[in-house]
Amino acid sequence: MTRSGGWADWLDRAAMGLSGLCVIHCVASSVLLVALASVGGALMHPAVHEIGLVLAIVLAAVALGRGIMLHGYMLPASVGGLGLGVMAGAMTLGHGPAEVVYTILGVALVALGHDLNRRAFT
C-alpha cells in the first residue's frame, strides 16, 4: 500500500524529529542544570514539558491516526500511545534521574511507533 502524498510521511518525520529534540532537551537540561543552575532552571520549567507533550500528542494523533486509516495496522499507534503514556507519567516524577530515564524511554517508544507507521506503507 502506498501513501497518498508526502503530507503523511512529513507528519511521521516531524514527530520523530520532535522525539529527537525531546531527548536533546532532556540531556541538555540535565547538563545545564548541573553546570548553570539559573539557565537549567529556565529549561526545566514545567511549561516546556507540558507544551512538548501536547505537541507530541497532537502530532502522534494526526500521523498515527492517519496511518491506521490508510494501512489499517494498530501496532504503530499502540507503541506510540504507550510512549506518550510513559512520557506523561515521567512528568509526575519530579526532576531527577528517574524522570530523565522514563522520558527518554517514552520518547524512544513514540519514535518507534512513528517509524513502524512509516514502514507500514512500504
N, C-alpha and C. Protein backbone atom coordinates (compact mmCIF):
# COMPACT_ATOMS: atom_id res chain seq x y z
N MET A 1 0.84 -1.16 0.00
CA MET A 1 0.00 0.00 0.00
C MET A 1 0.89 1.23 0.00
N THR A 2 0.53 2.24 -0.76
CA THR A 2 1.34 3.45 -0.84
C THR A 2 0.63 4.58 -0.12
N ARG A 3 1.38 5.52 0.29
CA ARG A 3 0.86 6.69 0.96
C ARG A 3 0.22 7.61 -0.05
N SER A 4 -0.80 8.30 0.37
CA SER A 4 -1.47 9.23 -0.54
C SER A 4 -0.85 10.62 -0.41
N GLY A 5 0.42 10.74 -0.74
CA GLY A 5 1.07 12.04 -0.70
C GLY A 5 2.14 12.12 0.34
N GLY A 6 2.89 13.21 0.27
CA GLY A 6 4.01 13.41 1.17
C GLY A 6 3.63 13.97 2.53
N TRP A 7 2.39 14.44 2.70
CA TRP A 7 1.96 15.05 3.95
C TRP A 7 2.03 14.06 5.10
N ALA A 8 1.54 12.85 4.92
CA ALA A 8 1.54 11.86 6.00
C ALA A 8 2.97 11.46 6.35
N ASP A 9 3.82 11.33 5.37
CA ASP A 9 5.21 11.00 5.62
C ASP A 9 5.88 12.13 6.38
N TRP A 10 5.56 13.36 6.03
CA TRP A 10 6.12 14.52 6.72
C TRP A 10 5.71 14.51 8.18
N LEU A 11 4.46 14.15 8.47
CA LEU A 11 3.99 14.13 9.86
C LEU A 11 4.80 13.14 10.68
N ASP A 12 5.04 11.94 10.15
CA ASP A 12 5.83 10.96 10.89
C ASP A 12 7.26 11.45 11.08
N ARG A 13 7.83 12.04 10.05
CA ARG A 13 9.19 12.56 10.17
C ARG A 13 9.26 13.71 11.18
N ALA A 14 8.27 14.58 11.16
CA ALA A 14 8.23 15.68 12.12
C ALA A 14 8.09 15.16 13.54
N ALA A 15 7.27 14.14 13.72
CA ALA A 15 7.09 13.57 15.05
C ALA A 15 8.37 12.89 15.54
N MET A 16 9.07 12.21 14.64
CA MET A 16 10.34 11.60 15.04
C MET A 16 11.38 12.69 15.35
N GLY A 17 11.35 13.77 14.60
CA GLY A 17 12.24 14.89 14.88
C GLY A 17 11.95 15.51 16.24
N LEU A 18 10.66 15.64 16.57
CA LEU A 18 10.27 16.15 17.87
C LEU A 18 10.76 15.22 18.97
N SER A 19 10.71 13.93 18.73
CA SER A 19 11.22 12.97 19.71
C SER A 19 12.72 13.18 19.93
N GLY A 20 13.44 13.40 18.86
CA GLY A 20 14.87 13.66 18.97
C GLY A 20 15.15 14.95 19.73
N LEU A 21 14.36 15.99 19.45
CA LEU A 21 14.53 17.25 20.18
C LEU A 21 14.23 17.06 21.66
N CYS A 22 13.28 16.21 21.97
CA CYS A 22 12.95 15.94 23.37
C CYS A 22 14.14 15.31 24.09
N VAL A 23 14.77 14.34 23.44
CA VAL A 23 15.95 13.71 24.05
C VAL A 23 17.06 14.74 24.25
N ILE A 24 17.29 15.56 23.24
CA ILE A 24 18.31 16.60 23.35
C ILE A 24 17.97 17.55 24.50
N HIS A 25 16.71 17.95 24.58
CA HIS A 25 16.27 18.84 25.66
C HIS A 25 16.51 18.20 27.02
N CYS A 26 16.17 16.94 27.13
CA CYS A 26 16.31 16.23 28.39
C CYS A 26 17.77 16.17 28.84
N VAL A 27 18.63 15.78 27.94
CA VAL A 27 20.04 15.67 28.28
C VAL A 27 20.64 17.06 28.51
N ALA A 28 20.33 18.00 27.63
CA ALA A 28 20.87 19.35 27.78
C ALA A 28 20.39 19.99 29.07
N SER A 29 19.13 19.79 29.43
CA SER A 29 18.61 20.36 30.67
C SER A 29 19.35 19.80 31.87
N SER A 30 19.58 18.50 31.86
CA SER A 30 20.30 17.89 32.98
C SER A 30 21.71 18.43 33.09
N VAL A 31 22.40 18.53 31.95
CA VAL A 31 23.77 19.05 31.96
C VAL A 31 23.78 20.51 32.37
N LEU A 32 22.88 21.29 31.81
CA LEU A 32 22.84 22.71 32.15
C LEU A 32 22.42 22.94 33.60
N LEU A 33 21.55 22.09 34.10
CA LEU A 33 21.12 22.23 35.49
C LEU A 33 22.31 22.05 36.43
N VAL A 34 23.17 21.11 36.10
CA VAL A 34 24.36 20.90 36.91
C VAL A 34 25.35 22.04 36.70
N ALA A 35 25.58 22.42 35.44
CA ALA A 35 26.60 23.41 35.13
C ALA A 35 26.16 24.84 35.44
N LEU A 36 24.96 25.17 35.06
CA LEU A 36 24.46 26.55 35.22
C LEU A 36 23.05 26.51 35.79
N ALA A 37 22.93 26.56 37.06
CA ALA A 37 21.64 26.38 37.73
C ALA A 37 20.58 27.35 37.22
N SER A 38 20.92 28.58 36.95
CA SER A 38 19.90 29.54 36.53
C SER A 38 19.37 29.24 35.13
N VAL A 39 20.23 28.88 34.19
CA VAL A 39 19.79 28.55 32.83
C VAL A 39 19.06 27.21 32.83
N GLY A 40 19.60 26.25 33.57
CA GLY A 40 18.95 24.95 33.66
C GLY A 40 17.57 25.05 34.26
N GLY A 41 17.41 25.95 35.22
CA GLY A 41 16.09 26.13 35.83
C GLY A 41 15.06 26.62 34.84
N ALA A 42 15.46 27.51 33.93
CA ALA A 42 14.53 28.01 32.91
C ALA A 42 14.11 26.89 31.97
N LEU A 43 15.06 26.03 31.58
CA LEU A 43 14.74 24.92 30.68
C LEU A 43 13.91 23.85 31.38
N MET A 44 14.00 23.77 32.68
CA MET A 44 13.27 22.76 33.42
C MET A 44 11.87 23.24 33.82
N HIS A 45 11.48 24.42 33.38
CA HIS A 45 10.17 24.96 33.71
C HIS A 45 9.09 23.98 33.23
N PRO A 46 8.08 23.73 34.06
CA PRO A 46 7.03 22.77 33.69
C PRO A 46 6.34 23.08 32.36
N ALA A 47 6.23 24.35 32.01
CA ALA A 47 5.56 24.71 30.75
C ALA A 47 6.29 24.13 29.55
N VAL A 48 7.62 24.07 29.60
CA VAL A 48 8.38 23.49 28.48
C VAL A 48 7.97 22.03 28.29
N HIS A 49 7.87 21.30 29.38
CA HIS A 49 7.49 19.90 29.29
C HIS A 49 6.04 19.73 28.85
N GLU A 50 5.16 20.55 29.38
CA GLU A 50 3.75 20.45 29.04
C GLU A 50 3.51 20.77 27.56
N ILE A 51 4.15 21.82 27.07
CA ILE A 51 3.99 22.19 25.66
C ILE A 51 4.57 21.10 24.76
N GLY A 52 5.74 20.58 25.13
CA GLY A 52 6.34 19.50 24.34
C GLY A 52 5.45 18.27 24.29
N LEU A 53 4.85 17.90 25.42
CA LEU A 53 3.97 16.74 25.45
C LEU A 53 2.72 16.98 24.61
N VAL A 54 2.16 18.17 24.70
CA VAL A 54 0.97 18.49 23.89
C VAL A 54 1.31 18.40 22.40
N LEU A 55 2.45 18.95 22.00
CA LEU A 55 2.87 18.85 20.59
C LEU A 55 3.04 17.39 20.17
N ALA A 56 3.66 16.60 21.03
CA ALA A 56 3.86 15.18 20.71
C ALA A 56 2.52 14.46 20.56
N ILE A 57 1.57 14.75 21.44
CA ILE A 57 0.25 14.11 21.38
C ILE A 57 -0.48 14.50 20.10
N VAL A 58 -0.44 15.79 19.75
CA VAL A 58 -1.12 16.25 18.54
C VAL A 58 -0.51 15.61 17.29
N LEU A 59 0.83 15.65 17.18
CA LEU A 59 1.48 15.05 16.01
C LEU A 59 1.21 13.55 15.94
N ALA A 60 1.26 12.87 17.08
CA ALA A 60 1.01 11.43 17.09
C ALA A 60 -0.43 11.12 16.70
N ALA A 61 -1.37 11.89 17.22
CA ALA A 61 -2.77 11.63 16.90
C ALA A 61 -3.03 11.77 15.40
N VAL A 62 -2.47 12.80 14.81
CA VAL A 62 -2.68 13.02 13.38
C VAL A 62 -1.94 11.98 12.54
N ALA A 63 -0.64 11.83 12.79
CA ALA A 63 0.17 10.94 11.95
C ALA A 63 -0.18 9.47 12.16
N LEU A 64 -0.27 9.04 13.41
CA LEU A 64 -0.55 7.62 13.67
C LEU A 64 -2.02 7.30 13.39
N GLY A 65 -2.90 8.25 13.68
CA GLY A 65 -4.32 8.04 13.35
C GLY A 65 -4.53 7.93 11.85
N ARG A 66 -3.85 8.77 11.12
CA ARG A 66 -3.94 8.70 9.64
C ARG A 66 -3.39 7.37 9.15
N GLY A 67 -2.31 6.91 9.80
CA GLY A 67 -1.74 5.61 9.42
C GLY A 67 -2.74 4.49 9.59
N ILE A 68 -3.47 4.48 10.71
CA ILE A 68 -4.48 3.45 10.94
C ILE A 68 -5.52 3.48 9.82
N MET A 69 -5.94 4.68 9.46
CA MET A 69 -6.97 4.81 8.42
C MET A 69 -6.47 4.33 7.05
N LEU A 70 -5.17 4.54 6.77
CA LEU A 70 -4.67 4.19 5.45
C LEU A 70 -4.12 2.77 5.35
N HIS A 71 -3.35 2.32 6.34
CA HIS A 71 -2.79 0.97 6.23
C HIS A 71 -3.47 -0.04 7.14
N GLY A 72 -4.24 0.44 8.12
CA GLY A 72 -5.04 -0.45 8.95
C GLY A 72 -4.31 -1.16 10.08
N TYR A 73 -3.04 -0.85 10.29
CA TYR A 73 -2.28 -1.52 11.36
C TYR A 73 -2.36 -0.69 12.64
N MET A 74 -2.72 -1.37 13.74
CA MET A 74 -2.83 -0.70 15.03
C MET A 74 -1.51 -0.65 15.80
N LEU A 75 -0.56 -1.54 15.47
CA LEU A 75 0.68 -1.62 16.24
C LEU A 75 1.43 -0.29 16.33
N PRO A 76 1.62 0.44 15.23
CA PRO A 76 2.34 1.71 15.35
C PRO A 76 1.68 2.68 16.33
N ALA A 77 0.36 2.79 16.25
CA ALA A 77 -0.35 3.70 17.16
C ALA A 77 -0.30 3.19 18.59
N SER A 78 -0.34 1.89 18.78
CA SER A 78 -0.27 1.32 20.13
C SER A 78 1.09 1.59 20.77
N VAL A 79 2.16 1.38 20.01
CA VAL A 79 3.51 1.62 20.53
C VAL A 79 3.68 3.12 20.80
N GLY A 80 3.24 3.95 19.88
CA GLY A 80 3.33 5.40 20.08
C GLY A 80 2.51 5.87 21.27
N GLY A 81 1.31 5.32 21.43
CA GLY A 81 0.47 5.68 22.57
C GLY A 81 1.09 5.27 23.90
N LEU A 82 1.71 4.09 23.92
CA LEU A 82 2.42 3.65 25.12
C LEU A 82 3.54 4.64 25.46
N GLY A 83 4.28 5.05 24.44
CA GLY A 83 5.36 6.00 24.65
C GLY A 83 4.85 7.33 25.20
N LEU A 84 3.72 7.81 24.67
CA LEU A 84 3.14 9.06 25.17
C LEU A 84 2.72 8.91 26.62
N GLY A 85 2.19 7.74 26.97
CA GLY A 85 1.80 7.48 28.35
C GLY A 85 3.00 7.48 29.28
N VAL A 86 4.09 6.87 28.83
CA VAL A 86 5.32 6.85 29.63
C VAL A 86 5.85 8.28 29.80
N MET A 87 5.81 9.07 28.73
CA MET A 87 6.25 10.46 28.82
C MET A 87 5.39 11.25 29.80
N ALA A 88 4.08 11.07 29.72
CA ALA A 88 3.19 11.78 30.64
C ALA A 88 3.44 11.34 32.08
N GLY A 89 3.65 10.04 32.27
CA GLY A 89 3.94 9.54 33.61
C GLY A 89 5.25 10.09 34.15
N ALA A 90 6.23 10.27 33.28
CA ALA A 90 7.53 10.80 33.70
C ALA A 90 7.39 12.21 34.26
N MET A 91 6.41 12.96 33.74
CA MET A 91 6.20 14.33 34.23
C MET A 91 5.75 14.35 35.68
N THR A 92 5.22 13.26 36.19
CA THR A 92 4.74 13.22 37.57
C THR A 92 5.85 12.88 38.55
N LEU A 93 7.03 12.52 38.07
CA LEU A 93 8.10 12.04 38.94
C LEU A 93 8.92 13.16 39.56
N GLY A 94 8.81 14.36 39.08
CA GLY A 94 9.68 15.43 39.58
C GLY A 94 11.04 15.33 38.91
N HIS A 95 11.79 16.41 38.94
CA HIS A 95 13.07 16.44 38.26
C HIS A 95 14.07 15.53 38.96
N GLY A 96 14.75 14.73 38.16
CA GLY A 96 15.74 13.82 38.70
C GLY A 96 16.06 12.74 37.69
N PRO A 97 16.91 11.80 38.06
CA PRO A 97 17.33 10.74 37.13
C PRO A 97 16.17 9.87 36.64
N ALA A 98 15.21 9.56 37.49
CA ALA A 98 14.09 8.71 37.08
C ALA A 98 13.28 9.39 35.98
N GLU A 99 13.06 10.69 36.13
CA GLU A 99 12.30 11.42 35.12
C GLU A 99 13.02 11.38 33.77
N VAL A 100 14.32 11.56 33.80
CA VAL A 100 15.11 11.55 32.56
C VAL A 100 15.03 10.17 31.90
N VAL A 101 15.21 9.11 32.68
CA VAL A 101 15.19 7.75 32.13
C VAL A 101 13.82 7.44 31.53
N TYR A 102 12.75 7.73 32.25
CA TYR A 102 11.41 7.42 31.74
C TYR A 102 11.03 8.31 30.56
N THR A 103 11.46 9.55 30.58
CA THR A 103 11.17 10.42 29.43
C THR A 103 11.87 9.90 28.18
N ILE A 104 13.12 9.54 28.29
CA ILE A 104 13.86 9.02 27.13
C ILE A 104 13.24 7.70 26.65
N LEU A 105 12.84 6.84 27.58
CA LEU A 105 12.15 5.60 27.20
C LEU A 105 10.86 5.91 26.44
N GLY A 106 10.07 6.85 26.96
CA GLY A 106 8.82 7.23 26.30
C GLY A 106 9.06 7.81 24.92
N VAL A 107 10.04 8.68 24.81
CA VAL A 107 10.38 9.30 23.53
C VAL A 107 10.81 8.24 22.52
N ALA A 108 11.61 7.28 22.99
CA ALA A 108 12.06 6.21 22.09
C ALA A 108 10.88 5.39 21.60
N LEU A 109 9.92 5.12 22.47
CA LEU A 109 8.73 4.35 22.06
C LEU A 109 7.89 5.15 21.06
N VAL A 110 7.74 6.44 21.29
CA VAL A 110 6.98 7.27 20.34
C VAL A 110 7.67 7.27 18.98
N ALA A 111 8.97 7.45 18.98
CA ALA A 111 9.73 7.46 17.71
C ALA A 111 9.61 6.10 17.02
N LEU A 112 9.67 5.01 17.80
CA LEU A 112 9.50 3.68 17.22
C LEU A 112 8.12 3.53 16.60
N GLY A 113 7.09 4.03 17.27
CA GLY A 113 5.74 3.98 16.72
C GLY A 113 5.64 4.70 15.38
N HIS A 114 6.27 5.87 15.29
CA HIS A 114 6.25 6.62 14.03
C HIS A 114 7.06 5.91 12.95
N ASP A 115 8.17 5.29 13.34
CA ASP A 115 8.96 4.54 12.37
C ASP A 115 8.17 3.33 11.86
N LEU A 116 7.50 2.63 12.76
CA LEU A 116 6.65 1.49 12.34
C LEU A 116 5.54 1.97 11.42
N ASN A 117 4.99 3.14 11.72
CA ASN A 117 3.93 3.71 10.87
C ASN A 117 4.45 3.98 9.47
N ARG A 118 5.64 4.56 9.37
CA ARG A 118 6.23 4.82 8.05
C ARG A 118 6.49 3.52 7.30
N ARG A 119 7.01 2.53 8.02
CA ARG A 119 7.35 1.25 7.37
C ARG A 119 6.11 0.47 6.93
N ALA A 120 4.99 0.72 7.57
CA ALA A 120 3.76 0.00 7.22
C ALA A 120 3.28 0.37 5.81
N PHE A 121 3.75 1.47 5.28
CA PHE A 121 3.34 1.90 3.95
C PHE A 121 4.18 1.26 2.85
N THR A 122 5.26 0.59 3.21
CA THR A 122 6.12 0.02 2.16
C THR A 122 5.81 -1.44 1.93
